[in-house]
Amino acid sequence: MLPELTYAWIFNEYPSFVHQDNRRFVSQETGNLYIAKVEASDVGNYTCVVTNTVTNSRVLGPPTPLILRND
Protein backbone atom coordinates (compact mmCIF):
# COMPACT_ATOMS: atom_id res chain seq x y z
CA MET A 1 0.00 0.00 0.00
CA LEU A 2 1.34 3.42 -0.93
CA PRO A 3 1.50 5.99 1.85
CA GLU A 4 -0.97 8.84 1.71
CA LEU A 5 0.87 12.13 1.37
CA THR A 6 -0.47 15.57 2.18
CA TYR A 7 1.15 18.79 1.10
CA ALA A 8 1.26 22.18 2.80
CA TRP A 9 3.36 25.29 2.41
CA ILE A 10 4.96 27.50 5.05
CA PHE A 11 5.27 31.22 4.31
CA ASN A 12 8.52 32.70 5.70
CA GLU A 13 8.64 30.85 9.06
CA TYR A 14 6.88 28.02 10.87
CA PRO A 15 4.02 27.99 11.87
CA SER A 16 2.83 30.50 9.25
CA PHE A 17 1.15 28.09 6.82
CA VAL A 18 -0.23 29.32 3.50
CA HIS A 19 -4.02 29.35 3.71
CA GLN A 20 -5.84 28.39 0.54
CA ASP A 21 -8.25 31.00 -0.75
CA ASN A 22 -9.38 32.42 -4.08
CA ARG A 23 -5.73 33.30 -4.95
CA ARG A 24 -3.79 30.41 -3.39
CA PHE A 25 -4.14 26.69 -4.11
CA VAL A 26 -2.04 23.65 -3.09
CA SER A 27 -2.37 20.61 -5.38
CA GLN A 28 -2.66 17.46 -3.28
CA GLU A 29 -1.58 15.45 -6.36
CA THR A 30 1.70 17.25 -7.10
CA GLY A 31 2.31 19.41 -4.03
CA ASN A 32 2.62 22.51 -6.22
CA LEU A 33 1.62 25.86 -4.78
CA TYR A 34 -0.25 28.14 -7.17
CA ILE A 35 -0.64 31.86 -6.50
CA ALA A 36 -2.85 33.93 -8.79
CA LYS A 37 -2.48 37.69 -9.11
CA VAL A 38 0.75 37.87 -7.09
CA GLU A 39 0.91 40.87 -4.78
CA ALA A 40 3.77 42.52 -2.88
CA SER A 41 2.52 40.85 0.33
CA ASP A 42 3.21 37.43 -1.28
CA VAL A 43 6.96 38.10 -1.49
CA GLY A 44 8.99 35.92 0.86
CA ASN A 45 10.27 32.37 1.36
CA TYR A 46 8.04 29.36 0.80
CA THR A 47 8.81 25.90 2.22
CA CYS A 48 6.97 22.74 1.15
CA VAL A 49 5.95 20.35 3.93
CA VAL A 50 5.08 16.77 2.96
CA THR A 51 3.38 14.59 5.56
CA ASN A 52 2.92 10.81 5.38
CA THR A 53 -0.46 10.21 7.03
CA VAL A 54 0.28 6.50 7.63
CA THR A 55 3.49 6.93 9.63
CA ASN A 56 2.83 10.56 10.60
CA SER A 57 6.31 11.52 9.39
CA ARG A 58 7.06 14.94 7.92
CA VAL A 59 9.68 16.25 5.49
CA LEU A 60 10.44 19.90 4.77
CA GLY A 61 12.03 21.05 1.53
CA PRO A 62 14.48 23.94 1.29
CA PRO A 63 12.94 27.45 1.24
CA THR A 64 12.15 28.87 -2.19
CA PRO A 65 12.08 32.66 -2.50
CA LEU A 66 9.27 34.41 -4.35
CA ILE A 67 10.42 37.67 -5.87
CA LEU A 68 7.99 40.14 -7.43
CA ARG A 69 9.22 41.48 -10.75
CA ASN A 70 7.91 44.57 -12.51
CA ASP A 71 7.64 43.33 -16.11
PDB file of N, CA and C in Angstrom:
ATOM      1  N   MET A   1       0.842  -1.182   0.000  1.00  0.00           N
ATOM      2  CA  MET A   1       0.000   0.000   0.000  1.00  0.00           C
ATOM      3  C   MET A   1       0.889   1.249   0.000  1.00  0.00           C
ATOM      4  N   LEU A   2       0.584   2.172  -0.873  1.00  0.00           N
ATOM      5  CA  LEU A   2       1.341   3.420  -0.933  1.00  0.00           C
ATOM      6  C   LEU A   2       0.914   4.344   0.201  1.00  0.00           C
ATOM      7  N   PRO A   3       1.869   5.051   0.774  1.00  0.00           N
ATOM      8  CA  PRO A   3       1.503   5.991   1.846  1.00  0.00           C
ATOM      9  C   PRO A   3       0.689   7.153   1.290  1.00  0.00           C
ATOM     10  N   GLU A   4      -0.206   7.663   2.103  1.00  0.00           N
ATOM     11  CA  GLU A   4      -0.967   8.841   1.714  1.00  0.00           C
ATOM     12  C   GLU A   4      -0.168  10.074   2.111  1.00  0.00           C
ATOM     13  N   LEU A   5       0.086  10.920   1.133  1.00  0.00           N
ATOM     14  CA  LEU A   5       0.865  12.126   1.375  1.00  0.00           C
ATOM     15  C   LEU A   5      -0.049  13.343   1.347  1.00  0.00           C
ATOM     16  N   THR A   6       0.215  14.282   2.230  1.00  0.00           N
ATOM     17  CA  THR A   6      -0.474  15.567   2.184  1.00  0.00           C
ATOM     18  C   THR A   6       0.588  16.651   2.057  1.00  0.00           C
ATOM     19  N   TYR A   7       0.224  17.707   1.372  1.00  0.00           N
ATOM     20  CA  TYR A   7       1.153  18.794   1.103  1.00  0.00           C
ATOM     21  C   TYR A   7       0.645  20.085   1.725  1.00  0.00           C
ATOM     22  N   ALA A   8       1.565  20.848   2.270  1.00  0.00           N
ATOM     23  CA  ALA A   8       1.257  22.176   2.801  1.00  0.00           C
ATOM     24  C   ALA A   8       2.476  23.050   2.536  1.00  0.00           C
ATOM     25  N   TRP A   9       2.268  24.346   2.628  1.00  0.00           N
ATOM     26  CA  TRP A   9       3.363  25.287   2.410  1.00  0.00           C
ATOM     27  C   TRP A   9       3.453  26.246   3.579  1.00  0.00           C
ATOM     28  N   ILE A  10       4.693  26.523   3.999  1.00  0.00           N
ATOM     29  CA  ILE A  10       4.957  27.501   5.055  1.00  0.00           C
ATOM     30  C   ILE A  10       5.406  28.790   4.372  1.00  0.00           C
ATOM     31  N   PHE A  11       4.869  29.909   4.837  1.00  0.00           N
ATOM     32  CA  PHE A  11       5.265  31.215   4.314  1.00  0.00           C
ATOM     33  C   PHE A  11       6.199  31.869   5.318  1.00  0.00           C
ATOM     34  N   ASN A  12       7.436  32.100   4.913  1.00  0.00           N
ATOM     35  CA  ASN A  12       8.518  32.699   5.703  1.00  0.00           C
ATOM     36  C   ASN A  12       8.952  31.821   6.864  1.00  0.00           C
ATOM     37  N   GLU A  13       8.187  31.656   7.915  1.00  0.00           N
ATOM     38  CA  GLU A  13       8.635  30.854   9.057  1.00  0.00           C
ATOM     39  C   GLU A  13       7.500  30.016   9.616  1.00  0.00           C
ATOM     40  N   TYR A  14       7.863  28.857  10.183  1.00  0.00           N
ATOM     41  CA  TYR A  14       6.879  28.021  10.870  1.00  0.00           C
ATOM     42  C   TYR A  14       6.374  28.785  12.076  1.00  0.00           C
ATOM     43  N   PRO A  15       5.128  28.788  12.420  1.00  0.00           N
ATOM     44  CA  PRO A  15       4.024  27.994  11.867  1.00  0.00           C
ATOM     45  C   PRO A  15       3.114  28.788  10.944  1.00  0.00           C
ATOM     46  N   SER A  16       3.652  29.676  10.138  1.00  0.00           N
ATOM     47  CA  SER A  16       2.830  30.498   9.247  1.00  0.00           C
ATOM     48  C   SER A  16       2.530  29.735   7.955  1.00  0.00           C
ATOM     49  N   PHE A  17       1.514  28.874   7.996  1.00  0.00           N
ATOM     50  CA  PHE A  17       1.145  28.092   6.822  1.00  0.00           C
ATOM     51  C   PHE A  17       0.368  28.950   5.828  1.00  0.00           C
ATOM     52  N   VAL A  18       0.534  28.651   4.548  1.00  0.00           N
ATOM     53  CA  VAL A  18      -0.227  29.324   3.497  1.00  0.00           C
ATOM     54  C   VAL A  18      -1.659  28.814   3.563  1.00  0.00           C
ATOM     55  N   HIS A  19      -2.605  29.717   3.686  1.00  0.00           N
ATOM     56  CA  HIS A  19      -4.016  29.347   3.711  1.00  0.00           C
ATOM     57  C   HIS A  19      -4.565  29.442   2.301  1.00  0.00           C
ATOM     58  N   GLN A  20      -5.247  28.376   1.870  1.00  0.00           N
ATOM     59  CA  GLN A  20      -5.837  28.387   0.541  1.00  0.00           C
ATOM     60  C   GLN A  20      -7.040  29.325   0.518  1.00  0.00           C
ATOM     61  N   ASP A  21      -7.130  30.085  -0.561  1.00  0.00           N
ATOM     62  CA  ASP A  21      -8.253  31.000  -0.748  1.00  0.00           C
ATOM     63  C   ASP A  21      -8.470  31.165  -2.248  1.00  0.00           C
ATOM     64  N   ASN A  22      -9.117  32.241  -2.659  1.00  0.00           N
ATOM     65  CA  ASN A  22      -9.384  32.421  -4.083  1.00  0.00           C
ATOM     66  C   ASN A  22      -8.136  32.760  -4.897  1.00  0.00           C
ATOM     67  N   ARG A  23      -6.991  33.032  -4.247  1.00  0.00           N
ATOM     68  CA  ARG A  23      -5.727  33.302  -4.953  1.00  0.00           C
ATOM     69  C   ARG A  23      -4.675  32.223  -4.753  1.00  0.00           C
ATOM     70  N   ARG A  24      -4.822  31.399  -3.727  1.00  0.00           N
ATOM     71  CA  ARG A  24      -3.790  30.409  -3.394  1.00  0.00           C
ATOM     72  C   ARG A  24      -4.386  29.006  -3.381  1.00  0.00           C
ATOM     73  N   PHE A  25      -3.665  28.066  -4.018  1.00  0.00           N
ATOM     74  CA  PHE A  25      -4.139  26.687  -4.106  1.00  0.00           C
ATOM     75  C   PHE A  25      -2.949  25.748  -4.003  1.00  0.00           C
ATOM     76  N   VAL A  26      -3.069  24.679  -3.202  1.00  0.00           N
ATOM     77  CA  VAL A  26      -2.040  23.648  -3.089  1.00  0.00           C
ATOM     78  C   VAL A  26      -2.599  22.371  -3.700  1.00  0.00           C
ATOM     79  N   SER A  27      -1.950  21.864  -4.754  1.00  0.00           N
ATOM     80  CA  SER A  27      -2.371  20.614  -5.382  1.00  0.00           C
ATOM     81  C   SER A  27      -1.983  19.448  -4.480  1.00  0.00           C
ATOM     82  N   GLN A  28      -2.953  18.627  -4.100  1.00  0.00           N
ATOM     83  CA  GLN A  28      -2.657  17.456  -3.284  1.00  0.00           C
ATOM     84  C   GLN A  28      -2.177  16.285  -4.143  1.00  0.00           C
ATOM     85  N   GLU A  29      -2.144  16.465  -5.469  1.00  0.00           N
ATOM     86  CA  GLU A  29      -1.584  15.452  -6.364  1.00  0.00           C
ATOM     87  C   GLU A  29      -0.098  15.678  -6.586  1.00  0.00           C
ATOM     88  N   THR A  30       0.297  16.940  -6.773  1.00  0.00           N
ATOM     89  CA  THR A  30       1.697  17.252  -7.096  1.00  0.00           C
ATOM     90  C   THR A  30       2.435  17.975  -5.981  1.00  0.00           C
ATOM     91  N   GLY A  31       1.689  18.607  -5.078  1.00  0.00           N
ATOM     92  CA  GLY A  31       2.311  19.409  -4.035  1.00  0.00           C
ATOM     93  C   GLY A  31       2.613  20.828  -4.465  1.00  0.00           C
ATOM     94  N   ASN A  32       2.336  21.161  -5.719  1.00  0.00           N
ATOM     95  CA  ASN A  32       2.620  22.510  -6.219  1.00  0.00           C
ATOM     96  C   ASN A  32       1.749  23.550  -5.537  1.00  0.00           C
ATOM     97  N   LEU A  33       2.340  24.704  -5.304  1.00  0.00           N
ATOM     98  CA  LEU A  33       1.618  25.861  -4.781  1.00  0.00           C
ATOM     99  C   LEU A  33       1.374  26.816  -5.940  1.00  0.00           C
ATOM    100  N   TYR A  34       0.119  27.196  -6.119  1.00  0.00           N
ATOM    101  CA  TYR A  34      -0.255  28.136  -7.175  1.00  0.00           C
ATOM    102  C   TYR A  34      -0.745  29.422  -6.526  1.00  0.00           C
ATOM    103  N   ILE A  35      -0.215  30.546  -7.000  1.00  0.00           N
ATOM    104  CA  ILE A  35      -0.637  31.856  -6.503  1.00  0.00           C
ATOM    105  C   ILE A  35      -1.069  32.682  -7.706  1.00  0.00           C
ATOM    106  N   ALA A  36      -2.328  33.092  -7.717  1.00  0.00           N
ATOM    107  CA  ALA A  36      -2.850  33.931  -8.793  1.00  0.00           C
ATOM    108  C   ALA A  36      -2.743  35.389  -8.381  1.00  0.00           C
ATOM    109  N   LYS A  37      -2.530  36.247  -9.360  1.00  0.00           N
ATOM    110  CA  LYS A  37      -2.477  37.688  -9.110  1.00  0.00           C
ATOM    111  C   LYS A  37      -1.530  38.017  -7.956  1.00  0.00           C
ATOM    112  N   VAL A  38      -0.263  37.675  -8.135  1.00  0.00           N
ATOM    113  CA  VAL A  38       0.750  37.867  -7.094  1.00  0.00           C
ATOM    114  C   VAL A  38       0.808  39.332  -6.671  1.00  0.00           C
ATOM    115  N   GLU A  39       0.850  39.532  -5.363  1.00  0.00           N
ATOM    116  CA  GLU A  39       0.912  40.873  -4.777  1.00  0.00           C
ATOM    117  C   GLU A  39       2.210  41.029  -3.991  1.00  0.00           C
ATOM    118  N   ALA A  40       2.548  42.251  -3.655  1.00  0.00           N
ATOM    119  CA  ALA A  40       3.768  42.517  -2.883  1.00  0.00           C
ATOM    120  C   ALA A  40       3.760  41.767  -1.557  1.00  0.00           C
ATOM    121  N   SER A  41       2.597  41.560  -0.957  1.00  0.00           N
ATOM    122  CA  SER A  41       2.520  40.851   0.331  1.00  0.00           C
ATOM    123  C   SER A  41       2.822  39.362   0.195  1.00  0.00           C
ATOM    124  N   ASP A  42       2.876  38.835  -1.047  1.00  0.00           N
ATOM    125  CA  ASP A  42       3.206  37.426  -1.283  1.00  0.00           C
ATOM    126  C   ASP A  42       4.710  37.180  -1.309  1.00  0.00           C
ATOM    127  N   VAL A  43       5.503  38.241  -1.399  1.00  0.00           N
ATOM    128  CA  VAL A  43       6.959  38.104  -1.495  1.00  0.00           C
ATOM    129  C   VAL A  43       7.509  37.545  -0.190  1.00  0.00           C
ATOM    130  N   GLY A  44       8.374  36.533  -0.308  1.00  0.00           N
ATOM    131  CA  GLY A  44       8.991  35.917   0.864  1.00  0.00           C
ATOM    132  C   GLY A  44       9.484  34.528   0.523  1.00  0.00           C
ATOM    133  N   ASN A  45       9.783  33.737   1.537  1.00  0.00           N
ATOM    134  CA  ASN A  45      10.272  32.374   1.357  1.00  0.00           C
ATOM    135  C   ASN A  45       9.152  31.379   1.608  1.00  0.00           C
ATOM    136  N   TYR A  46       9.056  30.401   0.710  1.00  0.00           N
ATOM    137  CA  TYR A  46       8.038  29.357   0.802  1.00  0.00           C
ATOM    138  C   TYR A  46       8.727  28.012   0.981  1.00  0.00           C
ATOM    139  N   THR A  47       8.253  27.217   1.936  1.00  0.00           N
ATOM    140  CA  THR A  47       8.814  25.902   2.221  1.00  0.00           C
ATOM    141  C   THR A  47       7.713  24.861   2.113  1.00  0.00           C
ATOM    142  N   CYS A  48       7.947  23.821   1.309  1.00  0.00           N
ATOM    143  CA  CYS A  48       6.972  22.744   1.149  1.00  0.00           C
ATOM    144  C   CYS A  48       7.122  21.748   2.298  1.00  0.00           C
ATOM    145  N   VAL A  49       5.981  21.343   2.861  1.00  0.00           N
ATOM    146  CA  VAL A  49       5.948  20.349   3.930  1.00  0.00           C
ATOM    147  C   VAL A  49       5.141  19.161   3.422  1.00  0.00           C
ATOM    148  N   VAL A  50       5.760  17.979   3.391  1.00  0.00           N
ATOM    149  CA  VAL A  50       5.076  16.765   2.958  1.00  0.00           C
ATOM    150  C   VAL A  50       4.910  15.867   4.174  1.00  0.00           C
ATOM    151  N   THR A  51       3.668  15.442   4.417  1.00  0.00           N
ATOM    152  CA  THR A  51       3.377  14.591   5.562  1.00  0.00           C
ATOM    153  C   THR A  51       2.849  13.253   5.082  1.00  0.00           C
ATOM    154  N   ASN A  52       3.406  12.162   5.635  1.00  0.00           N
ATOM    155  CA  ASN A  52       2.917  10.813   5.383  1.00  0.00           C
ATOM    156  C   ASN A  52       1.875  10.523   6.453  1.00  0.00           C
ATOM    157  N   THR A  53       0.615  10.382   6.055  1.00  0.00           N
ATOM    158  CA  THR A  53      -0.457  10.207   7.034  1.00  0.00           C
ATOM    159  C   THR A  53      -0.464   8.820   7.666  1.00  0.00           C
ATOM    160  N   VAL A  54       0.229   7.850   7.063  1.00  0.00           N
ATOM    161  CA  VAL A  54       0.278   6.498   7.629  1.00  0.00           C
ATOM    162  C   VAL A  54       1.258   6.445   8.795  1.00  0.00           C
ATOM    163  N   THR A  55       2.467   6.978   8.587  1.00  0.00           N
ATOM    164  CA  THR A  55       3.494   6.934   9.634  1.00  0.00           C
ATOM    165  C   THR A  55       3.581   8.233  10.418  1.00  0.00           C
ATOM    166  N   ASN A  56       2.823   9.231   9.978  1.00  0.00           N
ATOM    167  CA  ASN A  56       2.827  10.557  10.597  1.00  0.00           C
ATOM    168  C   ASN A  56       4.221  11.185  10.590  1.00  0.00           C
ATOM    169  N   SER A  57       4.999  10.899   9.528  1.00  0.00           N
ATOM    170  CA  SER A  57       6.315  11.523   9.390  1.00  0.00           C
ATOM    171  C   SER A  57       6.195  12.735   8.478  1.00  0.00           C
ATOM    172  N   ARG A  58       7.124  13.665   8.633  1.00  0.00           N
ATOM    173  CA  ARG A  58       7.056  14.939   7.921  1.00  0.00           C
ATOM    174  C   ARG A  58       8.432  15.287   7.366  1.00  0.00           C
ATOM    175  N   VAL A  59       8.453  15.814   6.139  1.00  0.00           N
ATOM    176  CA  VAL A  59       9.685  16.245   5.490  1.00  0.00           C
ATOM    177  C   VAL A  59       9.489  17.670   4.997  1.00  0.00           C
ATOM    178  N   LEU A  60      10.478  18.519   5.249  1.00  0.00           N
ATOM    179  CA  LEU A  60      10.440  19.900   4.774  1.00  0.00           C
ATOM    180  C   LEU A  60      11.480  20.078   3.685  1.00  0.00           C
ATOM    181  N   GLY A  61      11.087  20.732   2.598  1.00  0.00           N
ATOM    182  CA  GLY A  61      12.026  21.054   1.531  1.00  0.00           C
ATOM    183  C   GLY A  61      12.750  22.346   1.849  1.00  0.00           C
ATOM    184  N   PRO A  62      13.771  22.681   1.066  1.00  0.00           N
ATOM    185  CA  PRO A  62      14.478  23.943   1.293  1.00  0.00           C
ATOM    186  C   PRO A  62      13.582  25.125   0.920  1.00  0.00           C
ATOM    187  N   PRO A  63      13.749  26.271   1.578  1.00  0.00           N
ATOM    188  CA  PRO A  63      12.938  27.447   1.244  1.00  0.00           C
ATOM    189  C   PRO A  63      13.170  27.900  -0.196  1.00  0.00           C
ATOM    190  N   THR A  64      12.097  28.324  -0.842  1.00  0.00           N
ATOM    191  CA  THR A  64      12.152  28.866  -2.191  1.00  0.00           C
ATOM    192  C   THR A  64      11.669  30.305  -2.147  1.00  0.00           C
ATOM    193  N   PRO A  65      12.507  31.257  -2.567  1.00  0.00           N
ATOM    194  CA  PRO A  65      12.083  32.662  -2.505  1.00  0.00           C
ATOM    195  C   PRO A  65      11.129  33.015  -3.642  1.00  0.00           C
ATOM    196  N   LEU A  66      10.140  33.821  -3.340  1.00  0.00           N
ATOM    197  CA  LEU A  66       9.268  34.410  -4.351  1.00  0.00           C
ATOM    198  C   LEU A  66       9.630  35.878  -4.442  1.00  0.00           C
ATOM    199  N   ILE A  67      10.010  36.291  -5.641  1.00  0.00           N
ATOM    200  CA  ILE A  67      10.423  37.671  -5.871  1.00  0.00           C
ATOM    201  C   ILE A  67       9.452  38.287  -6.870  1.00  0.00           C
ATOM    202  N   LEU A  68       8.919  39.432  -6.559  1.00  0.00           N
ATOM    203  CA  LEU A  68       7.987  40.136  -7.429  1.00  0.00           C
ATOM    204  C   LEU A  68       8.771  40.981  -8.417  1.00  0.00           C
ATOM    205  N   ARG A  69       8.541  40.714  -9.705  1.00  0.00           N
ATOM    206  CA  ARG A  69       9.216  41.482 -10.752  1.00  0.00           C
ATOM    207  C   ARG A  69       8.231  42.460 -11.370  1.00  0.00           C
ATOM    208  N   ASN A  70       8.730  43.576 -11.816  1.00  0.00           N
ATOM    209  CA  ASN A  70       7.906  44.568 -12.510  1.00  0.00           C
ATOM    210  C   ASN A  70       8.162  44.458 -14.002  1.00  0.00           C
ATOM    211  N   ASP A  71       7.464  43.532 -14.658  1.00  0.00           N
ATOM    212  CA  ASP A  71       7.639  43.334 -16.111  1.00  0.00           C
ATOM    213  C   ASP A  71       6.581  44.086 -16.882  1.00  0.00           C
TER     214      ASP A  71
END
